[in-house]
Amino acid sequence: MIERSGLRLATIELALALLVFAAFPGISYLLLVAVTFTLLFFRDPPRRIQDGVVSPADGRVDYVGERRIEIFMGPFDCHINRSPVDGVVTKTRYIRGTFPPAYNRSGKAERNEIYISTPDGEFKVVQVAGFFARRIVCYVGKGDFVRKGQKIGIIKFGSRVILEVPDGYRFVKSVGEKVKAGETIAVKACSAYCGK
């Protein structure tokens, strides 16, 4: 499957490629490459949602703190973000900012925060835009109930997702490991993991 806005963009690119083919075949070929890239970037593969707290994004872990993990989404990762838990969205907050490179962990980047309340505490998912990813889309709002693995947004053409967890949880992924949204268990309750 392809995310809807990506399908629209690919359709426009394909139409342009066909329109200019006779006069400018070279440009048509470039547009066909763009169509391929767009379809790859906006793909929406099915996921088998796992038990436990799951990763909110596809990508590579590039920071792990006591209560925070950051996932860098490269150009070949799926950029649809998913809820790590079942819960109620208590707040979303968009913060205007700059557009540093996606690999830069700057706190000044454009971002969207999603707060999810659960019986075990509040989880926060932060969508962060990078230099090429200047379009954050959030699919949920205050009061929405979200299921673990449910699509909650997309960052178009980039960048990184941050997951913050309440006390009593520990991350089970290390810097450099690859994760998949909805499928990879990223966090475990301390009672099930700590000290083992």
N, C-alpha and C. Protein backbone atom coordinates (compact mmCIF):
# COMPACT_ATOMS: atom_id res chain seq x y z
N MET A 1 0.83 -1.19 0.00
CA MET A 1 0.00 0.00 0.00
C MET A 1 0.88 1.25 0.00
N ILE A 2 0.29 2.34 -0.47
CA ILE A 2 0.98 3.63 -0.51
C ILE A 2 0.13 4.64 0.26
N GLU A 3 0.77 5.45 1.09
CA GLU A 3 0.06 6.49 1.83
C GLU A 3 -0.59 7.45 0.83
N ARG A 4 -1.81 7.93 1.16
CA ARG A 4 -2.62 8.68 0.19
C ARG A 4 -1.93 9.90 -0.41
N SER A 5 -1.31 10.73 0.43
CA SER A 5 -0.69 11.93 -0.12
C SER A 5 0.49 11.57 -1.02
N GLY A 6 1.18 10.49 -0.71
CA GLY A 6 2.28 10.03 -1.56
C GLY A 6 1.77 9.53 -2.91
N LEU A 7 0.61 8.86 -2.89
CA LEU A 7 0.02 8.38 -4.13
C LEU A 7 -0.39 9.55 -5.03
N ARG A 8 -0.93 10.60 -4.41
CA ARG A 8 -1.29 11.80 -5.18
C ARG A 8 -0.06 12.43 -5.83
N LEU A 9 1.02 12.55 -5.04
CA LEU A 9 2.25 13.14 -5.56
C LEU A 9 2.82 12.30 -6.70
N ALA A 10 2.84 10.98 -6.54
CA ALA A 10 3.35 10.09 -7.59
C ALA A 10 2.51 10.19 -8.86
N THR A 11 1.20 10.35 -8.70
CA THR A 11 0.30 10.49 -9.86
C THR A 11 0.61 11.77 -10.63
N ILE A 12 0.85 12.86 -9.89
CA ILE A 12 1.20 14.13 -10.54
C ILE A 12 2.53 14.00 -11.27
N GLU A 13 3.51 13.38 -10.62
CA GLU A 13 4.82 13.20 -11.25
C GLU A 13 4.72 12.35 -12.52
N LEU A 14 3.91 11.29 -12.46
CA LEU A 14 3.74 10.42 -13.62
C LEU A 14 3.04 11.16 -14.76
N ALA A 15 2.02 11.95 -14.41
CA ALA A 15 1.31 12.72 -15.44
C ALA A 15 2.25 13.71 -16.12
N LEU A 16 3.10 14.37 -15.34
CA LEU A 16 4.07 15.31 -15.91
C LEU A 16 5.06 14.59 -16.82
N ALA A 17 5.50 13.40 -16.38
CA ALA A 17 6.45 12.61 -17.19
C ALA A 17 5.84 12.27 -18.55
N LEU A 18 4.56 11.90 -18.55
CA LEU A 18 3.90 11.55 -19.81
C LEU A 18 3.69 12.77 -20.69
N LEU A 19 3.37 13.92 -20.07
CA LEU A 19 3.12 15.15 -20.83
C LEU A 19 4.37 15.66 -21.55
N VAL A 20 5.52 15.54 -20.91
CA VAL A 20 6.73 16.12 -21.51
C VAL A 20 7.58 15.09 -22.26
N PHE A 21 7.12 13.84 -22.32
CA PHE A 21 7.95 12.78 -22.91
C PHE A 21 8.36 13.08 -24.36
N ALA A 22 7.41 13.51 -25.19
CA ALA A 22 7.71 13.71 -26.62
C ALA A 22 8.77 14.80 -26.83
N ALA A 23 8.65 15.89 -26.09
CA ALA A 23 9.56 17.02 -26.28
C ALA A 23 10.85 16.89 -25.47
N PHE A 24 10.74 16.34 -24.27
CA PHE A 24 11.90 16.29 -23.36
C PHE A 24 12.00 14.91 -22.70
N PRO A 25 12.43 13.90 -23.45
CA PRO A 25 12.48 12.55 -22.88
C PRO A 25 13.41 12.44 -21.66
N GLY A 26 14.48 13.21 -21.65
CA GLY A 26 15.40 13.17 -20.50
C GLY A 26 14.71 13.59 -19.21
N ILE A 27 13.90 14.65 -19.31
CA ILE A 27 13.16 15.12 -18.13
C ILE A 27 12.14 14.07 -17.72
N SER A 28 11.52 13.42 -18.70
CA SER A 28 10.55 12.36 -18.38
C SER A 28 11.20 11.24 -17.58
N TYR A 29 12.42 10.86 -17.97
CA TYR A 29 13.11 9.79 -17.23
C TYR A 29 13.41 10.22 -15.80
N LEU A 30 13.80 11.48 -15.63
CA LEU A 30 14.04 11.99 -14.27
C LEU A 30 12.75 11.96 -13.44
N LEU A 31 11.65 12.33 -14.08
CA LEU A 31 10.36 12.30 -13.37
C LEU A 31 9.96 10.87 -13.02
N LEU A 32 10.28 9.91 -13.87
CA LEU A 32 9.98 8.51 -13.56
C LEU A 32 10.82 8.03 -12.37
N VAL A 33 12.05 8.51 -12.27
CA VAL A 33 12.88 8.20 -11.10
C VAL A 33 12.22 8.80 -9.85
N ALA A 34 11.71 10.03 -9.99
CA ALA A 34 11.03 10.69 -8.87
C ALA A 34 9.79 9.90 -8.45
N VAL A 35 9.04 9.37 -9.43
CA VAL A 35 7.86 8.54 -9.12
C VAL A 35 8.28 7.32 -8.31
N THR A 36 9.34 6.66 -8.74
CA THR A 36 9.83 5.47 -8.03
C THR A 36 10.23 5.82 -6.60
N PHE A 37 10.97 6.92 -6.44
CA PHE A 37 11.39 7.34 -5.11
C PHE A 37 10.19 7.68 -4.24
N THR A 38 9.20 8.38 -4.81
CA THR A 38 8.01 8.76 -4.06
C THR A 38 7.25 7.52 -3.58
N LEU A 39 7.06 6.54 -4.47
CA LEU A 39 6.35 5.32 -4.09
C LEU A 39 7.11 4.55 -3.01
N LEU A 40 8.43 4.54 -3.11
CA LEU A 40 9.25 3.88 -2.09
C LEU A 40 9.13 4.60 -0.75
N PHE A 41 9.23 5.92 -0.81
CA PHE A 41 9.22 6.72 0.41
C PHE A 41 7.88 6.65 1.14
N PHE A 42 6.78 6.68 0.40
CA PHE A 42 5.45 6.73 1.01
C PHE A 42 4.80 5.36 1.14
N ARG A 43 5.58 4.30 1.00
CA ARG A 43 4.99 2.97 1.12
C ARG A 43 4.43 2.78 2.53
N ASP A 44 3.40 1.96 2.61
CA ASP A 44 2.71 1.70 3.88
C ASP A 44 2.55 0.19 4.03
N PRO A 45 3.64 -0.51 4.36
CA PRO A 45 3.57 -1.97 4.43
C PRO A 45 2.75 -2.45 5.62
N PRO A 46 2.11 -3.61 5.50
CA PRO A 46 1.37 -4.15 6.65
C PRO A 46 2.34 -4.50 7.77
N ARG A 47 1.87 -4.41 9.00
CA ARG A 47 2.71 -4.70 10.15
C ARG A 47 2.02 -5.70 11.07
N ARG A 48 2.83 -6.59 11.66
CA ARG A 48 2.34 -7.50 12.70
C ARG A 48 2.66 -6.85 14.03
N ILE A 49 1.65 -6.32 14.68
CA ILE A 49 1.85 -5.57 15.92
C ILE A 49 2.22 -6.54 17.04
N GLN A 50 3.30 -6.24 17.73
CA GLN A 50 3.82 -7.11 18.79
C GLN A 50 3.29 -6.70 20.16
N ASP A 51 3.44 -7.61 21.13
CA ASP A 51 3.12 -7.29 22.52
C ASP A 51 4.19 -6.35 23.06
N GLY A 52 3.86 -5.64 24.12
CA GLY A 52 4.83 -4.73 24.72
C GLY A 52 4.78 -3.36 24.08
N VAL A 53 5.66 -2.49 24.50
CA VAL A 53 5.76 -1.14 23.94
C VAL A 53 6.60 -1.22 22.67
N VAL A 54 6.02 -0.79 21.56
CA VAL A 54 6.69 -0.95 20.27
C VAL A 54 7.30 0.36 19.78
N SER A 55 8.19 0.22 18.84
CA SER A 55 8.83 1.39 18.24
C SER A 55 7.78 2.23 17.49
N PRO A 56 7.87 3.56 17.60
CA PRO A 56 6.94 4.42 16.86
C PRO A 56 7.39 4.70 15.43
N ALA A 57 8.60 4.24 15.06
CA ALA A 57 9.13 4.57 13.73
C ALA A 57 10.06 3.49 13.22
N ASP A 58 10.20 3.43 11.91
CA ASP A 58 11.24 2.62 11.27
C ASP A 58 12.53 3.44 11.29
N GLY A 59 13.65 2.76 11.41
CA GLY A 59 14.91 3.48 11.31
C GLY A 59 16.00 2.86 12.17
N ARG A 60 16.98 3.70 12.48
CA ARG A 60 18.13 3.27 13.26
C ARG A 60 18.17 4.07 14.56
N VAL A 61 18.32 3.37 15.68
CA VAL A 61 18.42 4.04 16.98
C VAL A 61 19.74 4.82 17.01
N ASP A 62 19.65 6.13 17.29
CA ASP A 62 20.90 6.88 17.37
C ASP A 62 21.09 7.60 18.70
N TYR A 63 20.16 7.37 19.64
CA TYR A 63 20.35 7.88 21.00
C TYR A 63 19.45 7.08 21.94
N VAL A 64 20.00 6.70 23.08
CA VAL A 64 19.22 6.04 24.13
C VAL A 64 19.59 6.69 25.45
N GLY A 65 18.59 7.24 26.13
CA GLY A 65 18.78 7.81 27.46
C GLY A 65 17.97 7.01 28.46
N GLU A 66 17.89 7.50 29.68
CA GLU A 66 17.16 6.76 30.71
C GLU A 66 15.68 6.63 30.37
N ARG A 67 15.08 7.71 29.86
CA ARG A 67 13.65 7.67 29.55
C ARG A 67 13.36 8.14 28.12
N ARG A 68 14.38 8.15 27.27
CA ARG A 68 14.21 8.71 25.92
C ARG A 68 15.02 7.90 24.92
N ILE A 69 14.39 7.63 23.77
CA ILE A 69 15.09 6.97 22.67
C ILE A 69 14.81 7.79 21.41
N GLU A 70 15.83 7.92 20.54
CA GLU A 70 15.66 8.67 19.30
C GLU A 70 15.96 7.76 18.12
N ILE A 71 15.11 7.84 17.11
CA ILE A 71 15.21 6.97 15.94
C ILE A 71 15.38 7.84 14.70
N PHE A 72 16.49 7.64 14.00
CA PHE A 72 16.74 8.36 12.75
C PHE A 72 16.13 7.57 11.60
N MET A 73 15.29 8.23 10.82
CA MET A 73 14.66 7.59 9.66
C MET A 73 15.42 7.98 8.40
N GLY A 74 16.08 7.01 7.80
CA GLY A 74 16.84 7.25 6.58
C GLY A 74 15.94 7.28 5.37
N PRO A 75 16.49 7.61 4.20
CA PRO A 75 15.67 7.76 3.00
C PRO A 75 14.99 6.47 2.54
N PHE A 76 15.49 5.31 2.97
CA PHE A 76 14.88 4.05 2.54
C PHE A 76 13.97 3.44 3.60
N ASP A 77 13.78 4.14 4.72
CA ASP A 77 12.86 3.67 5.76
C ASP A 77 11.45 4.14 5.46
N CYS A 78 10.46 3.39 5.95
CA CYS A 78 9.07 3.83 5.88
C CYS A 78 8.93 5.01 6.85
N HIS A 79 8.25 6.07 6.46
CA HIS A 79 8.19 7.28 7.28
C HIS A 79 6.85 7.49 7.96
N ILE A 80 6.02 6.45 7.99
CA ILE A 80 4.76 6.52 8.72
C ILE A 80 5.05 6.20 10.18
N ASN A 81 4.52 7.01 11.08
CA ASN A 81 4.74 6.84 12.51
C ASN A 81 3.53 6.16 13.14
N ARG A 82 3.80 5.32 14.16
CA ARG A 82 2.75 4.52 14.80
C ARG A 82 2.78 4.70 16.31
N SER A 83 1.62 4.50 16.92
CA SER A 83 1.54 4.61 18.37
C SER A 83 2.27 3.45 19.02
N PRO A 84 3.09 3.73 20.04
CA PRO A 84 3.81 2.64 20.71
C PRO A 84 2.96 1.86 21.70
N VAL A 85 1.80 2.42 22.07
CA VAL A 85 0.95 1.84 23.12
C VAL A 85 -0.52 2.10 22.82
N ASP A 86 -1.40 1.38 23.54
CA ASP A 86 -2.82 1.73 23.59
C ASP A 86 -2.96 2.89 24.57
N GLY A 87 -3.78 3.87 24.25
CA GLY A 87 -3.99 4.96 25.19
C GLY A 87 -4.83 6.07 24.60
N VAL A 88 -4.96 7.14 25.36
CA VAL A 88 -5.74 8.31 24.95
C VAL A 88 -4.80 9.48 24.71
N VAL A 89 -4.97 10.14 23.58
CA VAL A 89 -4.17 11.32 23.28
C VAL A 89 -4.67 12.46 24.16
N THR A 90 -3.82 12.94 25.05
CA THR A 90 -4.22 14.02 25.95
C THR A 90 -3.85 15.40 25.40
N LYS A 91 -2.88 15.42 24.50
CA LYS A 91 -2.45 16.70 23.94
C LYS A 91 -1.58 16.46 22.71
N THR A 92 -1.69 17.36 21.74
CA THR A 92 -0.70 17.42 20.66
C THR A 92 -0.22 18.86 20.62
N ARG A 93 1.05 19.03 20.31
CA ARG A 93 1.60 20.39 20.29
C ARG A 93 2.60 20.52 19.15
N TYR A 94 2.30 21.45 18.25
CA TYR A 94 3.20 21.73 17.13
C TYR A 94 4.13 22.87 17.53
N ILE A 95 5.43 22.69 17.29
CA ILE A 95 6.42 23.71 17.63
C ILE A 95 7.16 24.08 16.35
N ARG A 96 7.01 25.33 15.97
CA ARG A 96 7.71 25.83 14.78
C ARG A 96 9.20 25.92 15.10
N GLY A 97 10.03 25.63 14.14
CA GLY A 97 11.46 25.68 14.41
C GLY A 97 12.26 25.77 13.14
N THR A 98 13.54 25.46 13.25
CA THR A 98 14.44 25.48 12.10
C THR A 98 14.45 24.10 11.46
N PHE A 99 15.24 23.95 10.41
CA PHE A 99 15.30 22.67 9.69
C PHE A 99 16.76 22.21 9.57
N PRO A 100 17.36 21.78 10.69
CA PRO A 100 18.73 21.27 10.61
C PRO A 100 18.74 19.92 9.90
N PRO A 101 19.91 19.42 9.50
CA PRO A 101 19.96 18.08 8.91
C PRO A 101 19.34 17.05 9.85
N ALA A 102 18.71 16.01 9.30
CA ALA A 102 17.98 15.03 10.11
C ALA A 102 18.87 14.33 11.12
N TYR A 103 20.15 14.16 10.79
CA TYR A 103 21.06 13.46 11.71
C TYR A 103 21.47 14.35 12.89
N ASN A 104 21.19 15.65 12.79
CA ASN A 104 21.52 16.60 13.85
C ASN A 104 20.46 16.52 14.94
N ARG A 105 20.86 16.30 16.18
CA ARG A 105 19.91 16.15 17.28
C ARG A 105 19.52 17.49 17.89
N SER A 106 19.45 18.53 17.09
CA SER A 106 19.15 19.87 17.58
C SER A 106 17.75 19.94 18.18
N GLY A 107 17.65 20.60 19.33
CA GLY A 107 16.36 20.80 19.97
C GLY A 107 15.59 21.96 19.36
N LYS A 108 16.16 22.59 18.32
CA LYS A 108 15.51 23.75 17.71
C LYS A 108 14.74 23.39 16.45
N ALA A 109 14.71 22.13 16.09
CA ALA A 109 14.05 21.70 14.85
C ALA A 109 12.53 21.78 14.99
N GLU A 110 11.86 21.93 13.84
CA GLU A 110 10.40 21.87 13.82
C GLU A 110 9.97 20.51 14.35
N ARG A 111 8.90 20.50 15.18
CA ARG A 111 8.48 19.23 15.77
C ARG A 111 6.99 19.24 16.10
N ASN A 112 6.47 18.04 16.28
CA ASN A 112 5.10 17.86 16.74
C ASN A 112 5.11 16.83 17.86
N GLU A 113 4.55 17.20 19.01
CA GLU A 113 4.54 16.32 20.17
C GLU A 113 3.16 15.69 20.34
N ILE A 114 3.13 14.39 20.59
CA ILE A 114 1.88 13.66 20.82
C ILE A 114 1.99 13.00 22.19
N TYR A 115 1.11 13.39 23.12
CA TYR A 115 1.11 12.84 24.47
C TYR A 115 0.02 11.78 24.57
N ILE A 116 0.40 10.58 25.00
CA ILE A 116 -0.54 9.45 25.08
C ILE A 116 -0.60 8.96 26.52
N SER A 117 -1.79 9.03 27.10
CA SER A 117 -1.99 8.61 28.49
C SER A 117 -2.39 7.14 28.54
N THR A 118 -1.75 6.39 29.44
CA THR A 118 -2.07 4.98 29.66
C THR A 118 -2.21 4.76 31.15
N PRO A 119 -2.74 3.60 31.58
CA PRO A 119 -2.80 3.31 33.02
C PRO A 119 -1.42 3.28 33.68
N ASP A 120 -0.37 3.07 32.89
CA ASP A 120 0.99 3.00 33.43
C ASP A 120 1.74 4.32 33.36
N GLY A 121 1.11 5.37 32.87
CA GLY A 121 1.77 6.66 32.77
C GLY A 121 1.67 7.25 31.38
N GLU A 122 2.33 8.37 31.19
CA GLU A 122 2.25 9.09 29.92
C GLU A 122 3.45 8.81 29.03
N PHE A 123 3.17 8.51 27.78
CA PHE A 123 4.19 8.32 26.76
C PHE A 123 4.14 9.53 25.83
N LYS A 124 5.28 9.94 25.34
CA LYS A 124 5.32 11.07 24.41
C LYS A 124 6.07 10.66 23.14
N VAL A 125 5.42 10.88 22.01
CA VAL A 125 6.04 10.65 20.70
C VAL A 125 6.27 12.03 20.08
N VAL A 126 7.50 12.27 19.64
CA VAL A 126 7.84 13.56 19.04
C VAL A 126 8.28 13.33 17.60
N GLN A 127 7.55 13.93 16.67
CA GLN A 127 7.92 13.89 15.25
C GLN A 127 8.81 15.10 14.99
N VAL A 128 10.01 14.88 14.46
CA VAL A 128 10.98 15.96 14.26
C VAL A 128 11.32 16.08 12.77
N ALA A 129 11.20 17.28 12.23
CA ALA A 129 11.51 17.51 10.82
C ALA A 129 12.97 17.90 10.65
N GLY A 130 13.57 17.42 9.58
CA GLY A 130 14.95 17.78 9.24
C GLY A 130 14.99 18.72 8.06
N PHE A 131 16.18 18.87 7.48
CA PHE A 131 16.38 19.83 6.39
C PHE A 131 15.48 19.53 5.20
N PHE A 132 15.38 18.26 4.80
CA PHE A 132 14.54 17.90 3.65
C PHE A 132 13.12 17.56 4.07
N ALA A 133 12.91 17.28 5.36
CA ALA A 133 11.58 16.89 5.84
C ALA A 133 10.89 18.10 6.43
N ARG A 134 10.23 18.84 5.59
CA ARG A 134 9.62 20.07 6.08
C ARG A 134 8.11 19.96 6.17
N ARG A 135 7.63 18.76 6.34
CA ARG A 135 6.18 18.58 6.40
C ARG A 135 5.86 17.48 7.38
N ILE A 136 5.44 17.87 8.57
CA ILE A 136 5.00 16.91 9.58
C ILE A 136 3.48 16.84 9.51
N VAL A 137 2.95 15.63 9.44
CA VAL A 137 1.51 15.43 9.42
C VAL A 137 1.15 14.57 10.63
N CYS A 138 0.19 15.05 11.41
CA CYS A 138 -0.29 14.31 12.58
C CYS A 138 -1.72 13.86 12.30
N TYR A 139 -1.98 12.57 12.47
CA TYR A 139 -3.31 12.02 12.17
C TYR A 139 -4.25 12.03 13.38
N VAL A 140 -3.75 12.35 14.57
CA VAL A 140 -4.56 12.23 15.78
C VAL A 140 -4.67 13.58 16.50
N GLY A 141 -5.65 13.67 17.39
CA GLY A 141 -5.85 14.89 18.16
C GLY A 141 -6.28 14.58 19.58
N LYS A 142 -6.39 15.60 20.38
CA LYS A 142 -6.76 15.46 21.79
C LYS A 142 -8.07 14.70 21.92
N GLY A 143 -8.08 13.71 22.81
CA GLY A 143 -9.28 12.91 23.06
C GLY A 143 -9.37 11.64 22.25
N ASP A 144 -8.54 11.50 21.24
CA ASP A 144 -8.57 10.28 20.41
C ASP A 144 -8.00 9.10 21.19
N PHE A 145 -8.67 7.95 21.07
CA PHE A 145 -8.10 6.71 21.61
C PHE A 145 -7.28 6.07 20.50
N VAL A 146 -6.05 5.73 20.82
CA VAL A 146 -5.19 5.10 19.82
C VAL A 146 -4.84 3.68 20.26
N ARG A 147 -4.76 2.81 19.29
CA ARG A 147 -4.32 1.44 19.52
C ARG A 147 -2.83 1.33 19.23
N LYS A 148 -2.17 0.45 19.94
CA LYS A 148 -0.76 0.19 19.68
C LYS A 148 -0.59 -0.21 18.22
N GLY A 149 0.35 0.43 17.54
CA GLY A 149 0.60 0.15 16.13
C GLY A 149 -0.25 0.97 15.17
N GLN A 150 -1.22 1.72 15.70
CA GLN A 150 -2.06 2.56 14.85
C GLN A 150 -1.23 3.68 14.24
N LYS A 151 -1.52 4.02 12.99
CA LYS A 151 -0.81 5.12 12.33
C LYS A 151 -1.22 6.44 12.98
N ILE A 152 -0.23 7.21 13.43
CA ILE A 152 -0.52 8.48 14.10
C ILE A 152 0.04 9.68 13.33
N GLY A 153 0.81 9.42 12.27
CA GLY A 153 1.33 10.54 11.49
C GLY A 153 2.40 10.09 10.51
N ILE A 154 2.91 11.08 9.80
CA ILE A 154 3.99 10.84 8.84
C ILE A 154 4.86 12.09 8.80
N ILE A 155 6.16 11.88 8.61
CA ILE A 155 7.06 13.00 8.37
C ILE A 155 7.50 12.86 6.92
N LYS A 156 7.08 13.80 6.10
CA LYS A 156 7.35 13.68 4.66
C LYS A 156 8.80 14.06 4.37
N PHE A 157 9.51 13.11 3.79
CA PHE A 157 10.90 13.26 3.39
C PHE A 157 11.85 13.50 4.56
N GLY A 158 11.70 12.73 5.63
CA GLY A 158 12.70 12.77 6.69
C GLY A 158 12.10 12.34 8.00
N SER A 159 12.63 12.19 9.03
CA SER A 159 13.79 12.71 9.66
C SER A 159 14.03 11.93 10.94
N ARG A 160 13.37 12.23 12.06
CA ARG A 160 13.60 11.43 13.27
C ARG A 160 12.35 11.45 14.15
N VAL A 161 12.24 10.42 15.00
CA VAL A 161 11.15 10.32 15.96
C VAL A 161 11.75 10.05 17.33
N ILE A 162 11.21 10.72 18.33
CA ILE A 162 11.66 10.55 19.71
C ILE A 162 10.53 9.90 20.50
N LEU A 163 10.87 8.94 21.34
CA LEU A 163 9.90 8.33 22.25
C LEU A 163 10.38 8.55 23.68
N GLU A 164 9.52 9.16 24.49
CA GLU A 164 9.80 9.33 25.91
C GLU A 164 8.82 8.48 26.70
N VAL A 165 9.31 7.79 27.73
CA VAL A 165 8.49 6.84 28.48
C VAL A 165 8.41 7.25 29.95
N PRO A 166 7.37 6.79 30.66
CA PRO A 166 7.26 7.10 32.09
C PRO A 166 8.24 6.27 32.91
N ASP A 167 8.33 6.58 34.19
CA ASP A 167 9.15 5.78 35.10
C ASP A 167 8.67 4.34 35.08
N GLY A 168 9.58 3.42 35.33
CA GLY A 168 9.21 2.01 35.39
C GLY A 168 9.42 1.27 34.09
N TYR A 169 9.98 1.94 33.09
CA TYR A 169 10.25 1.31 31.80
C TYR A 169 11.72 1.47 31.45
N ARG A 170 12.24 0.50 30.70
CA ARG A 170 13.62 0.57 30.23
C ARG A 170 13.67 0.19 28.75
N PHE A 171 14.57 0.84 28.04
CA PHE A 171 14.73 0.55 26.61
C PHE A 171 15.54 -0.73 26.44
N VAL A 172 15.16 -1.52 25.45
CA VAL A 172 15.85 -2.79 25.19
C VAL A 172 16.59 -2.75 23.86
N LYS A 173 16.67 -1.59 23.27
CA LYS A 173 17.42 -1.40 22.03
C LYS A 173 18.61 -0.49 22.30
N SER A 174 19.69 -0.71 21.54
CA SER A 174 20.92 0.06 21.70
C SER A 174 21.18 0.91 20.47
N VAL A 175 22.05 1.89 20.63
CA VAL A 175 22.44 2.76 19.52
C VAL A 175 22.97 1.89 18.37
N GLY A 176 22.49 2.19 17.17
CA GLY A 176 22.92 1.47 15.98
C GLY A 176 21.97 0.37 15.55
N GLU A 177 21.08 -0.07 16.44
CA GLU A 177 20.14 -1.14 16.08
C GLU A 177 19.01 -0.60 15.21
N LYS A 178 18.53 -1.44 14.30
CA LYS A 178 17.40 -1.09 13.44
C LYS A 178 16.10 -1.47 14.13
N VAL A 179 15.06 -0.66 13.92
CA VAL A 179 13.74 -0.92 14.49
C VAL A 179 12.68 -0.71 13.42
N LYS A 180 11.51 -1.34 13.64
CA LYS A 180 10.38 -1.18 12.74
C LYS A 180 9.17 -0.74 13.55
N ALA A 181 8.46 0.27 13.04
CA ALA A 181 7.29 0.79 13.73
C ALA A 181 6.23 -0.29 13.90
N GLY A 182 5.77 -0.46 15.13
CA GLY A 182 4.71 -1.42 15.42
C GLY A 182 5.18 -2.83 15.61
N GLU A 183 6.34 -3.18 15.07
CA GLU A 183 6.81 -4.57 15.12
C GLU A 183 7.93 -4.79 16.13
N THR A 184 8.82 -3.83 16.26
CA THR A 184 9.97 -4.01 17.14
C THR A 184 9.62 -3.58 18.56
N ILE A 185 9.84 -4.46 19.52
CA ILE A 185 9.66 -4.08 20.92
C ILE A 185 10.85 -3.22 21.31
N ALA A 186 10.57 -1.99 21.70
CA ALA A 186 11.63 -1.04 22.02
C ALA A 186 11.80 -0.84 23.52
N VAL A 187 10.74 -1.14 24.28
CA VAL A 187 10.70 -0.82 25.70
C VAL A 187 10.03 -1.97 26.44
N LYS A 188 10.50 -2.24 27.65
CA LYS A 188 9.83 -3.22 28.51
C LYS A 188 9.60 -2.62 29.89
N ALA A 189 8.54 -3.09 30.54
CA ALA A 189 8.30 -2.66 31.91
C ALA A 189 9.46 -3.11 32.77
N CYS A 190 9.85 -2.29 33.71
CA CYS A 190 11.03 -2.58 34.52
C CYS A 190 10.90 -3.90 35.26
N SER A 191 9.70 -4.23 35.71
CA SER A 191 9.51 -5.47 36.46
C SER A 191 9.81 -6.69 35.60
N ALA A 192 9.67 -6.52 34.26
CA ALA A 192 9.90 -7.64 33.35
C ALA A 192 11.31 -7.65 32.78
N TYR A 193 12.08 -6.59 33.05
CA TYR A 193 13.36 -6.48 32.37
C TYR A 193 14.51 -6.06 33.29
N CYS A 194 14.29 -5.08 34.13
CA CYS A 194 15.38 -4.51 34.91
C CYS A 194 16.02 -5.55 35.81
N GLY A 195 17.30 -5.51 35.85
CA GLY A 195 18.04 -6.43 36.71
C GLY A 195 18.28 -7.77 36.09
N LYS A 196 17.80 -7.99 34.85
CA LYS A 196 18.00 -9.30 34.20
C LYS A 196 19.08 -9.19 33.15
